[in-house]
Amino acid sequence: MTELGWFRTRNDAELARLLLAEAGIPAVLAPDQTGDHPADFSGGGHLLVADADAEYAAMILSSVTPQRGRSNGDRSARQGL
């Protein structure tokens, strides 16, 4: 599995997952368990896809995702517009 990014809110993460699903790419959300938020996604989460789908999925999200954290561990938000 490849992590595409960390999303600040569950809504952002769910939107990204649904966009990928529309493109035929299955994705899963993993809660952020390293911060102050419980594992119920109240603080966002990580979006994961199969390694084979990662490049195409990243291309899809790069033009439509409002705020996505970098998947390299940097928690700062960036604009993906």
C-alpha atoms as a PDB file:
ATOM      1  CA  MET A   1       0.000   0.000   0.000  1.00  0.00           C
ATOM      2  CA  THR A   2       1.101   3.549  -0.717  1.00  0.00           C
ATOM      3  CA  GLU A   3       0.094   6.543   1.378  1.00  0.00           C
ATOM      4  CA  LEU A   4      -1.119   9.383  -0.822  1.00  0.00           C
ATOM      5  CA  GLY A   5      -1.324  11.892   1.950  1.00  0.00           C
ATOM      6  CA  TRP A   6      -2.660  12.982   5.291  1.00  0.00           C
ATOM      7  CA  PHE A   7      -5.930  14.896   5.400  1.00  0.00           C
ATOM      8  CA  ARG A   8      -6.814  17.367   8.146  1.00  0.00           C
ATOM      9  CA  THR A   9     -10.486  16.432   8.297  1.00  0.00           C
ATOM     10  CA  ARG A  10     -12.535  13.316   7.755  1.00  0.00           C
ATOM     11  CA  ASN A  11     -14.589  15.189   5.165  1.00  0.00           C
ATOM     12  CA  ASP A  12     -11.496  15.909   3.059  1.00  0.00           C
ATOM     13  CA  ALA A  13     -10.315  12.308   3.369  1.00  0.00           C
ATOM     14  CA  GLU A  14     -13.745  10.912   2.439  1.00  0.00           C
ATOM     15  CA  LEU A  15     -14.017  13.256  -0.533  1.00  0.00           C
ATOM     16  CA  ALA A  16     -10.644  12.096  -1.832  1.00  0.00           C
ATOM     17  CA  ARG A  17     -11.601   8.443  -1.309  1.00  0.00           C
ATOM     18  CA  LEU A  18     -14.861   8.962  -3.207  1.00  0.00           C
ATOM     19  CA  LEU A  19     -13.103  10.721  -6.088  1.00  0.00           C
ATOM     20  CA  LEU A  20     -10.757   7.781  -6.421  1.00  0.00           C
ATOM     21  CA  ALA A  21     -13.643   5.323  -6.239  1.00  0.00           C
ATOM     22  CA  GLU A  22     -15.323   7.167  -9.145  1.00  0.00           C
ATOM     23  CA  ALA A  23     -12.117   6.596 -11.134  1.00  0.00           C
ATOM     24  CA  GLY A  24     -12.162   2.881 -10.245  1.00  0.00           C
ATOM     25  CA  ILE A  25      -9.357   3.089  -7.693  1.00  0.00           C
ATOM     26  CA  PRO A  26     -10.063   1.446  -4.335  1.00  0.00           C
ATOM     27  CA  ALA A  27      -8.683   3.390  -1.384  1.00  0.00           C
ATOM     28  CA  VAL A  28      -8.748   3.007   2.386  1.00  0.00           C
ATOM     29  CA  LEU A  29      -8.605   5.546   5.177  1.00  0.00           C
ATOM     30  CA  ALA A  30      -6.396   5.015   8.190  1.00  0.00           C
ATOM     31  CA  PRO A  31      -6.984   7.226  11.229  1.00  0.00           C
ATOM     32  CA  ASP A  32      -4.229   9.430  12.550  1.00  0.00           C
ATOM     33  CA  GLN A  33      -3.299   7.785  15.837  1.00  0.00           C
ATOM     34  CA  THR A  34      -0.168   9.809  16.480  1.00  0.00           C
ATOM     35  CA  GLY A  35      -1.829  13.064  17.499  1.00  0.00           C
ATOM     36  CA  ASP A  36      -4.377  14.206  20.013  1.00  0.00           C
ATOM     37  CA  HIS A  37      -7.321  12.840  18.062  1.00  0.00           C
ATOM     38  CA  PRO A  38      -8.956   9.469  18.704  1.00  0.00           C
ATOM     39  CA  ALA A  39      -8.945   6.760  16.061  1.00  0.00           C
ATOM     40  CA  ASP A  40     -12.442   7.744  14.902  1.00  0.00           C
ATOM     41  CA  PHE A  41     -11.157  10.131  12.180  1.00  0.00           C
ATOM     42  CA  SER A  42     -12.260  13.231  14.088  1.00  0.00           C
ATOM     43  CA  GLY A  43      -8.863  14.671  13.235  1.00  0.00           C
ATOM     44  CA  GLY A  44      -8.484  13.404   9.697  1.00  0.00           C
ATOM     45  CA  GLY A  45      -6.449  10.518   8.445  1.00  0.00           C
ATOM     46  CA  HIS A  46      -4.176   8.913   5.905  1.00  0.00           C
ATOM     47  CA  LEU A  47      -5.362   7.830   2.461  1.00  0.00           C
ATOM     48  CA  LEU A  48      -3.873   4.582   1.164  1.00  0.00           C
ATOM     49  CA  VAL A  49      -4.066   2.926  -2.255  1.00  0.00           C
ATOM     50  CA  ALA A  50      -2.498  -0.134  -3.842  1.00  0.00           C
ATOM     51  CA  ASP A  51       1.051   0.476  -5.050  1.00  0.00           C
ATOM     52  CA  ALA A  52      -0.009  -0.164  -8.658  1.00  0.00           C
ATOM     53  CA  ASP A  53      -2.641   2.617  -8.455  1.00  0.00           C
ATOM     54  CA  ALA A  54      -0.542   5.214  -6.623  1.00  0.00           C
ATOM     55  CA  GLU A  55       0.704   7.270  -9.567  1.00  0.00           C
ATOM     56  CA  TYR A  56      -2.706   7.557 -11.234  1.00  0.00           C
ATOM     57  CA  ALA A  57      -4.421   8.261  -7.898  1.00  0.00           C
ATOM     58  CA  ALA A  58      -1.951  11.036  -7.066  1.00  0.00           C
ATOM     59  CA  MET A  59      -2.561  12.601 -10.467  1.00  0.00           C
ATOM     60  CA  ILE A  60      -6.329  12.601  -9.879  1.00  0.00           C
ATOM     61  CA  LEU A  61      -6.055  14.140  -6.432  1.00  0.00           C
ATOM     62  CA  SER A  62      -3.418  16.721  -7.319  1.00  0.00           C
ATOM     63  CA  SER A  63      -5.925  18.860  -9.192  1.00  0.00           C
ATOM     64  CA  VAL A  64      -8.944  18.595  -6.885  1.00  0.00           C
ATOM     65  CA  THR A  65      -7.903  18.031  -3.264  1.00  0.00           C
ATOM     66  CA  PRO A  66      -8.300  21.206  -1.166  1.00  0.00           C
ATOM     67  CA  GLN A  67      -5.769  20.515   1.604  1.00  0.00           C
ATOM     68  CA  ARG A  68      -3.592  17.474   1.789  1.00  0.00           C
ATOM     69  CA  GLY A  69      -0.557  16.948   3.975  1.00  0.00           C
ATOM     70  CA  ARG A  70       2.612  15.538   2.584  1.00  0.00           C
ATOM     71  CA  SER A  71       2.977  11.789   2.942  1.00  0.00           C
ATOM     72  CA  ASN A  72       6.641  12.044   3.933  1.00  0.00           C
ATOM     73  CA  GLY A  73       5.756  12.816   7.541  1.00  0.00           C
ATOM     74  CA  ASP A  74       5.512  16.598   7.180  1.00  0.00           C
ATOM     75  CA  ARG A  75       2.186  17.549   8.764  1.00  0.00           C
ATOM     76  CA  SER A  76       2.003  21.029   7.235  1.00  0.00           C
ATOM     77  CA  ALA A  77      -0.997  21.520   4.971  1.00  0.00           C
ATOM     78  CA  ARG A  78      -0.492  22.531   1.390  1.00  0.00           C
ATOM     79  CA  GLN A  79      -2.798  23.664  -1.324  1.00  0.00           C
ATOM     80  CA  GLY A  80      -3.356  21.009  -3.982  1.00  0.00           C
ATOM     81  CA  LEU A  81      -5.256  23.217  -6.398  1.00  0.00           C
END
